Amino acid sequence: MANTQGPQGNHDPAGNTQMFRAFVDEAPRGPQQAAASSGPRIGLILGVVVAVAIVAAVAWLALK
């Protein structure tokens, strides 16, 4: 059976660790990254607020 080792002789169980690291290292840095990372966070906060409001409205209607 063939031994699966990289060019340096180090076994890479993930198979693409070097490609992933290259992708992460090429990620944009600066204002574009800050704006992009704040988008999902704002959506998450708004989702939690809406969920709490819905639960409060249902509880209010149930106790009315």
PDB file of N, CA and C in Angstrom:
ATOM      1  N   MET A   1       0.852  -1.177   0.000  1.00  0.00           N
ATOM      2  CA  MET A   1       0.000   0.000   0.000  1.00  0.00           C
ATOM      3  C   MET A   1       0.891   1.230   0.000  1.00  0.00           C
ATOM      4  N   ALA A   2       0.527   2.259  -0.727  1.00  0.00           N
ATOM      5  CA  ALA A   2       1.347   3.461  -0.863  1.00  0.00           C
ATOM      6  C   ALA A   2       1.256   4.303   0.400  1.00  0.00           C
ATOM      7  N   ASN A   3       2.360   4.934   0.724  1.00  0.00           N
ATOM      8  CA  ASN A   3       2.433   5.824   1.878  1.00  0.00           C
ATOM      9  C   ASN A   3       2.070   7.231   1.413  1.00  0.00           C
ATOM     10  N   THR A   4       1.042   7.857   2.007  1.00  0.00           N
ATOM     11  CA  THR A   4       0.597   9.179   1.565  1.00  0.00           C
ATOM     12  C   THR A   4       1.319  10.256   2.363  1.00  0.00           C
ATOM     13  N   GLN A   5       2.396  10.749   1.812  1.00  0.00           N
ATOM     14  CA  GLN A   5       3.161  11.805   2.439  1.00  0.00           C
ATOM     15  C   GLN A   5       3.358  12.932   1.454  1.00  0.00           C
ATOM     16  N   GLY A   6       3.520  14.141   2.003  1.00  0.00           N
ATOM     17  CA  GLY A   6       3.755  15.299   1.162  1.00  0.00           C
ATOM     18  C   GLY A   6       5.165  15.316   0.634  1.00  0.00           C
ATOM     19  N   PRO A   7       5.522  16.378  -0.100  1.00  0.00           N
ATOM     20  CA  PRO A   7       6.855  16.478  -0.675  1.00  0.00           C
ATOM     21  C   PRO A   7       7.960  16.509   0.379  1.00  0.00           C
ATOM     22  N   GLN A   8       7.667  17.029   1.566  1.00  0.00           N
ATOM     23  CA  GLN A   8       8.678  17.092   2.606  1.00  0.00           C
ATOM     24  C   GLN A   8       8.689  15.825   3.464  1.00  0.00           C
ATOM     25  N   GLY A   9       7.788  14.905   3.205  1.00  0.00           N
ATOM     26  CA  GLY A   9       7.729  13.688   3.979  1.00  0.00           C
ATOM     27  C   GLY A   9       6.816  13.804   5.186  1.00  0.00           C
ATOM     28  N   ASN A  10       6.117  14.922   5.348  1.00  0.00           N
ATOM     29  CA  ASN A  10       5.188  15.096   6.458  1.00  0.00           C
ATOM     30  C   ASN A  10       3.798  14.661   6.019  1.00  0.00           C
ATOM     31  N   HIS A  11       3.188  13.800   6.808  1.00  0.00           N
ATOM     32  CA  HIS A  11       1.841  13.325   6.478  1.00  0.00           C
ATOM     33  C   HIS A  11       0.834  14.430   6.772  1.00  0.00           C
ATOM     34  N   ASP A  12      -0.033  14.712   5.806  1.00  0.00           N
ATOM     35  CA  ASP A  12      -1.055  15.743   5.957  1.00  0.00           C
ATOM     36  C   ASP A  12      -2.414  15.052   6.005  1.00  0.00           C
ATOM     37  N   PRO A  13      -2.955  14.805   7.221  1.00  0.00           N
ATOM     38  CA  PRO A  13      -4.219  14.070   7.296  1.00  0.00           C
ATOM     39  C   PRO A  13      -5.388  14.826   6.676  1.00  0.00           C
ATOM     40  N   ALA A  14      -5.338  16.165   6.674  1.00  0.00           N
ATOM     41  CA  ALA A  14      -6.428  16.934   6.086  1.00  0.00           C
ATOM     42  C   ALA A  14      -6.347  16.930   4.563  1.00  0.00           C
ATOM     43  N   GLY A  15      -5.178  16.762   4.039  1.00  0.00           N
ATOM     44  CA  GLY A  15      -5.011  16.702   2.589  1.00  0.00           C
ATOM     45  C   GLY A  15      -4.811  18.050   1.942  1.00  0.00           C
ATOM     46  N   ASN A  16      -5.432  19.094   2.436  1.00  0.00           N
ATOM     47  CA  ASN A  16      -5.360  20.400   1.799  1.00  0.00           C
ATOM     48  C   ASN A  16      -4.985  21.508   2.781  1.00  0.00           C
ATOM     49  N   THR A  17      -4.254  21.180   3.808  1.00  0.00           N
ATOM     50  CA  THR A  17      -3.911  22.185   4.819  1.00  0.00           C
ATOM     51  C   THR A  17      -3.134  23.343   4.205  1.00  0.00           C
ATOM     52  N   GLN A  18      -2.199  23.043   3.329  1.00  0.00           N
ATOM     53  CA  GLN A  18      -1.400  24.106   2.724  1.00  0.00           C
ATOM     54  C   GLN A  18      -2.269  25.002   1.854  1.00  0.00           C
ATOM     55  N   MET A  19      -3.208  24.418   1.127  1.00  0.00           N
ATOM     56  CA  MET A  19      -4.089  25.222   0.280  1.00  0.00           C
ATOM     57  C   MET A  19      -4.997  26.096   1.141  1.00  0.00           C
ATOM     58  N   PHE A  20      -5.475  25.553   2.273  1.00  0.00           N
ATOM     59  CA  PHE A  20      -6.320  26.343   3.166  1.00  0.00           C
ATOM     60  C   PHE A  20      -5.545  27.506   3.757  1.00  0.00           C
ATOM     61  N   ARG A  21      -4.320  27.249   4.183  1.00  0.00           N
ATOM     62  CA  ARG A  21      -3.507  28.329   4.753  1.00  0.00           C
ATOM     63  C   ARG A  21      -3.229  29.406   3.709  1.00  0.00           C
ATOM     64  N   ALA A  22      -3.013  29.012   2.478  1.00  0.00           N
ATOM     65  CA  ALA A  22      -2.788  30.004   1.422  1.00  0.00           C
ATOM     66  C   ALA A  22      -4.053  30.839   1.210  1.00  0.00           C
ATOM     67  N   PHE A  23      -5.211  30.206   1.268  1.00  0.00           N
ATOM     68  CA  PHE A  23      -6.472  30.936   1.114  1.00  0.00           C
ATOM     69  C   PHE A  23      -6.670  31.916   2.259  1.00  0.00           C
ATOM     70  N   VAL A  24      -6.399  31.498   3.475  1.00  0.00           N
ATOM     71  CA  VAL A  24      -6.579  32.366   4.636  1.00  0.00           C
ATOM     72  C   VAL A  24      -5.595  33.533   4.571  1.00  0.00           C
ATOM     73  N   ASP A  25      -4.366  33.265   4.159  1.00  0.00           N
ATOM     74  CA  ASP A  25      -3.367  34.326   4.082  1.00  0.00           C
ATOM     75  C   ASP A  25      -3.707  35.357   3.020  1.00  0.00           C
ATOM     76  N   GLU A  26      -4.480  34.968   1.992  1.00  0.00           N
ATOM     77  CA  GLU A  26      -4.843  35.897   0.927  1.00  0.00           C
ATOM     78  C   GLU A  26      -6.123  36.664   1.218  1.00  0.00           C
ATOM     79  N   ALA A  27      -6.727  36.465   2.395  1.00  0.00           N
ATOM     80  CA  ALA A  27      -7.975  37.147   2.733  1.00  0.00           C
ATOM     81  C   ALA A  27      -7.747  38.657   2.748  1.00  0.00           C
ATOM     82  N   PRO A  28      -8.720  39.424   2.251  1.00  0.00           N
ATOM     83  CA  PRO A  28      -8.552  40.885   2.217  1.00  0.00           C
ATOM     84  C   PRO A  28      -8.469  41.471   3.617  1.00  0.00           C
ATOM     85  N   ARG A  29      -7.636  42.466   3.752  1.00  0.00           N
ATOM     86  CA  ARG A  29      -7.469  43.133   5.036  1.00  0.00           C
ATOM     87  C   ARG A  29      -7.799  44.600   4.851  1.00  0.00           C
ATOM     88  N   GLY A  30      -8.369  45.202   5.857  1.00  0.00           N
ATOM     89  CA  GLY A  30      -8.661  46.623   5.774  1.00  0.00           C
ATOM     90  C   GLY A  30     -10.133  46.906   5.945  1.00  0.00           C
ATOM     91  N   PRO A  31     -10.598  48.047   5.444  1.00  0.00           N
ATOM     92  CA  PRO A  31     -11.993  48.461   5.651  1.00  0.00           C
ATOM     93  C   PRO A  31     -13.013  47.488   5.049  1.00  0.00           C
ATOM     94  N   GLN A  32     -12.683  46.866   3.932  1.00  0.00           N
ATOM     95  CA  GLN A  32     -13.634  45.939   3.328  1.00  0.00           C
ATOM     96  C   GLN A  32     -13.879  44.757   4.260  1.00  0.00           C
ATOM     97  N   GLN A  33     -12.841  44.266   4.900  1.00  0.00           N
ATOM     98  CA  GLN A  33     -13.002  43.134   5.795  1.00  0.00           C
ATOM     99  C   GLN A  33     -13.800  43.533   7.028  1.00  0.00           C
ATOM    100  N   ALA A  34     -13.579  44.725   7.566  1.00  0.00           N
ATOM    101  CA  ALA A  34     -14.322  45.175   8.737  1.00  0.00           C
ATOM    102  C   ALA A  34     -15.804  45.311   8.411  1.00  0.00           C
ATOM    103  N   ALA A  35     -16.128  45.844   7.249  1.00  0.00           N
ATOM    104  CA  ALA A  35     -17.528  46.003   6.855  1.00  0.00           C
ATOM    105  C   ALA A  35     -18.177  44.645   6.630  1.00  0.00           C
ATOM    106  N   ALA A  36     -17.457  43.730   6.033  1.00  0.00           N
ATOM    107  CA  ALA A  36     -18.020  42.414   5.762  1.00  0.00           C
ATOM    108  C   ALA A  36     -18.241  41.636   7.048  1.00  0.00           C
ATOM    109  N   SER A  37     -17.365  41.780   8.034  1.00  0.00           N
ATOM    110  CA  SER A  37     -17.513  41.015   9.267  1.00  0.00           C
ATOM    111  C   SER A  37     -18.598  41.602  10.155  1.00  0.00           C
ATOM    112  N   SER A  38     -18.924  42.883   9.997  1.00  0.00           N
ATOM    113  CA  SER A  38     -19.969  43.469  10.834  1.00  0.00           C
ATOM    114  C   SER A  38     -21.354  43.114  10.315  1.00  0.00           C
ATOM    115  N   GLY A  39     -21.482  42.757   9.038  1.00  0.00           N
ATOM    116  CA  GLY A  39     -22.775  42.414   8.466  1.00  0.00           C
ATOM    117  C   GLY A  39     -23.444  41.235   9.151  1.00  0.00           C
ATOM    118  N   PRO A  40     -22.798  40.089   9.233  1.00  0.00           N
ATOM    119  CA  PRO A  40     -23.426  38.943   9.906  1.00  0.00           C
ATOM    120  C   PRO A  40     -23.699  39.218  11.386  1.00  0.00           C
ATOM    121  N   ARG A  41     -22.852  40.001  12.024  1.00  0.00           N
ATOM    122  CA  ARG A  41     -23.047  40.294  13.442  1.00  0.00           C
ATOM    123  C   ARG A  41     -24.316  41.127  13.634  1.00  0.00           C
ATOM    124  N   ILE A  42     -24.539  42.115  12.779  1.00  0.00           N
ATOM    125  CA  ILE A  42     -25.739  42.951  12.880  1.00  0.00           C
ATOM    126  C   ILE A  42     -26.976  42.103  12.605  1.00  0.00           C
ATOM    127  N   GLY A  43     -26.895  41.228  11.630  1.00  0.00           N
ATOM    128  CA  GLY A  43     -28.013  40.347  11.329  1.00  0.00           C
ATOM    129  C   GLY A  43     -28.344  39.427  12.498  1.00  0.00           C
ATOM    130  N   LEU A  44     -27.327  38.929  13.159  1.00  0.00           N
ATOM    131  CA  LEU A  44     -27.538  38.056  14.310  1.00  0.00           C
ATOM    132  C   LEU A  44     -28.215  38.817  15.443  1.00  0.00           C
ATOM    133  N   ILE A  45     -27.758  40.031  15.714  1.00  0.00           N
ATOM    134  CA  ILE A  45     -28.352  40.846  16.775  1.00  0.00           C
ATOM    135  C   ILE A  45     -29.813  41.155  16.457  1.00  0.00           C
ATOM    136  N   LEU A  46     -30.081  41.560  15.215  1.00  0.00           N
ATOM    137  CA  LEU A  46     -31.460  41.847  14.823  1.00  0.00           C
ATOM    138  C   LEU A  46     -32.334  40.596  14.920  1.00  0.00           C
ATOM    139  N   GLY A  47     -31.798  39.457  14.549  1.00  0.00           N
ATOM    140  CA  GLY A  47     -32.551  38.205  14.650  1.00  0.00           C
ATOM    141  C   GLY A  47     -32.909  37.868  16.088  1.00  0.00           C
ATOM    142  N   VAL A  48     -31.968  38.079  16.998  1.00  0.00           N
ATOM    143  CA  VAL A  48     -32.233  37.813  18.417  1.00  0.00           C
ATOM    144  C   VAL A  48     -33.293  38.775  18.949  1.00  0.00           C
ATOM    145  N   VAL A  49     -33.189  40.047  18.582  1.00  0.00           N
ATOM    146  CA  VAL A  49     -34.172  41.040  19.037  1.00  0.00           C
ATOM    147  C   VAL A  49     -35.570  40.689  18.518  1.00  0.00           C
ATOM    148  N   VAL A  50     -35.664  40.309  17.256  1.00  0.00           N
ATOM    149  CA  VAL A  50     -36.964  39.933  16.684  1.00  0.00           C
ATOM    150  C   VAL A  50     -37.516  38.682  17.376  1.00  0.00           C
ATOM    151  N   ALA A  51     -36.649  37.714  17.640  1.00  0.00           N
ATOM    152  CA  ALA A  51     -37.100  36.487  18.307  1.00  0.00           C
ATOM    153  C   ALA A  51     -37.620  36.787  19.711  1.00  0.00           C
ATOM    154  N   VAL A  52     -36.934  37.642  20.451  1.00  0.00           N
ATOM    155  CA  VAL A  52     -37.377  38.009  21.793  1.00  0.00           C
ATOM    156  C   VAL A  52     -38.714  38.744  21.714  1.00  0.00           C
ATOM    157  N   ALA A  53     -38.866  39.632  20.738  1.00  0.00           N
ATOM    158  CA  ALA A  53     -40.121  40.370  20.590  1.00  0.00           C
ATOM    159  C   ALA A  53     -41.275  39.417  20.276  1.00  0.00           C
ATOM    160  N   ILE A  54     -41.036  38.430  19.433  1.00  0.00           N
ATOM    161  CA  ILE A  54     -42.091  37.461  19.094  1.00  0.00           C
ATOM    162  C   ILE A  54     -42.472  36.636  20.317  1.00  0.00           C
ATOM    163  N   VAL A  55     -41.483  36.179  21.068  1.00  0.00           N
ATOM    164  CA  VAL A  55     -41.767  35.390  22.273  1.00  0.00           C
ATOM    165  C   VAL A  55     -42.540  36.238  23.274  1.00  0.00           C
ATOM    166  N   ALA A  56     -42.158  37.508  23.434  1.00  0.00           N
ATOM    167  CA  ALA A  56     -42.865  38.389  24.362  1.00  0.00           C
ATOM    168  C   ALA A  56     -44.310  38.620  23.916  1.00  0.00           C
ATOM    169  N   ALA A  57     -44.528  38.791  22.610  1.00  0.00           N
ATOM    170  CA  ALA A  57     -45.881  39.009  22.100  1.00  0.00           C
ATOM    171  C   ALA A  57     -46.740  37.763  22.302  1.00  0.00           C
ATOM    172  N   VAL A  58     -46.187  36.590  22.052  1.00  0.00           N
ATOM    173  CA  VAL A  58     -46.947  35.347  22.246  1.00  0.00           C
ATOM    174  C   VAL A  58     -47.274  35.155  23.722  1.00  0.00           C
ATOM    175  N   ALA A  59     -46.310  35.422  24.605  1.00  0.00           N
ATOM    176  CA  ALA A  59     -46.564  35.306  26.044  1.00  0.00           C
ATOM    177  C   ALA A  59     -47.638  36.310  26.493  1.00  0.00           C
ATOM    178  N   TRP A  60     -47.594  37.514  25.962  1.00  0.00           N
ATOM    179  CA  TRP A  60     -48.575  38.526  26.327  1.00  0.00           C
ATOM    180  C   TRP A  60     -49.976  38.106  25.873  1.00  0.00           C
ATOM    181  N   LEU A  61     -50.053  37.571  24.656  1.00  0.00           N
ATOM    182  CA  LEU A  61     -51.355  37.119  24.160  1.00  0.00           C
ATOM    183  C   LEU A  61     -51.857  35.901  24.944  1.00  0.00           C
ATOM    184  N   ALA A  62     -50.963  35.046  25.369  1.00  0.00           N
ATOM    185  CA  ALA A  62     -51.367  33.852  26.109  1.00  0.00           C
ATOM    186  C   ALA A  62     -51.867  34.216  27.508  1.00  0.00           C
ATOM    187  N   LEU A  63     -51.303  35.249  28.110  1.00  0.00           N
ATOM    188  CA  LEU A  63     -51.684  35.637  29.453  1.00  0.00           C
ATOM    189  C   LEU A  63     -52.817  36.662  29.479  1.00  0.00           C
ATOM    190  N   LYS A  64     -53.238  37.135  28.350  1.00  0.00           N
ATOM    191  CA  LYS A  64     -54.272  38.164  28.254  1.00  0.00           C
ATOM    192  C   LYS A  64     -55.624  37.645  28.628  1.00  0.00           C
TER     193      LYS A  64
END
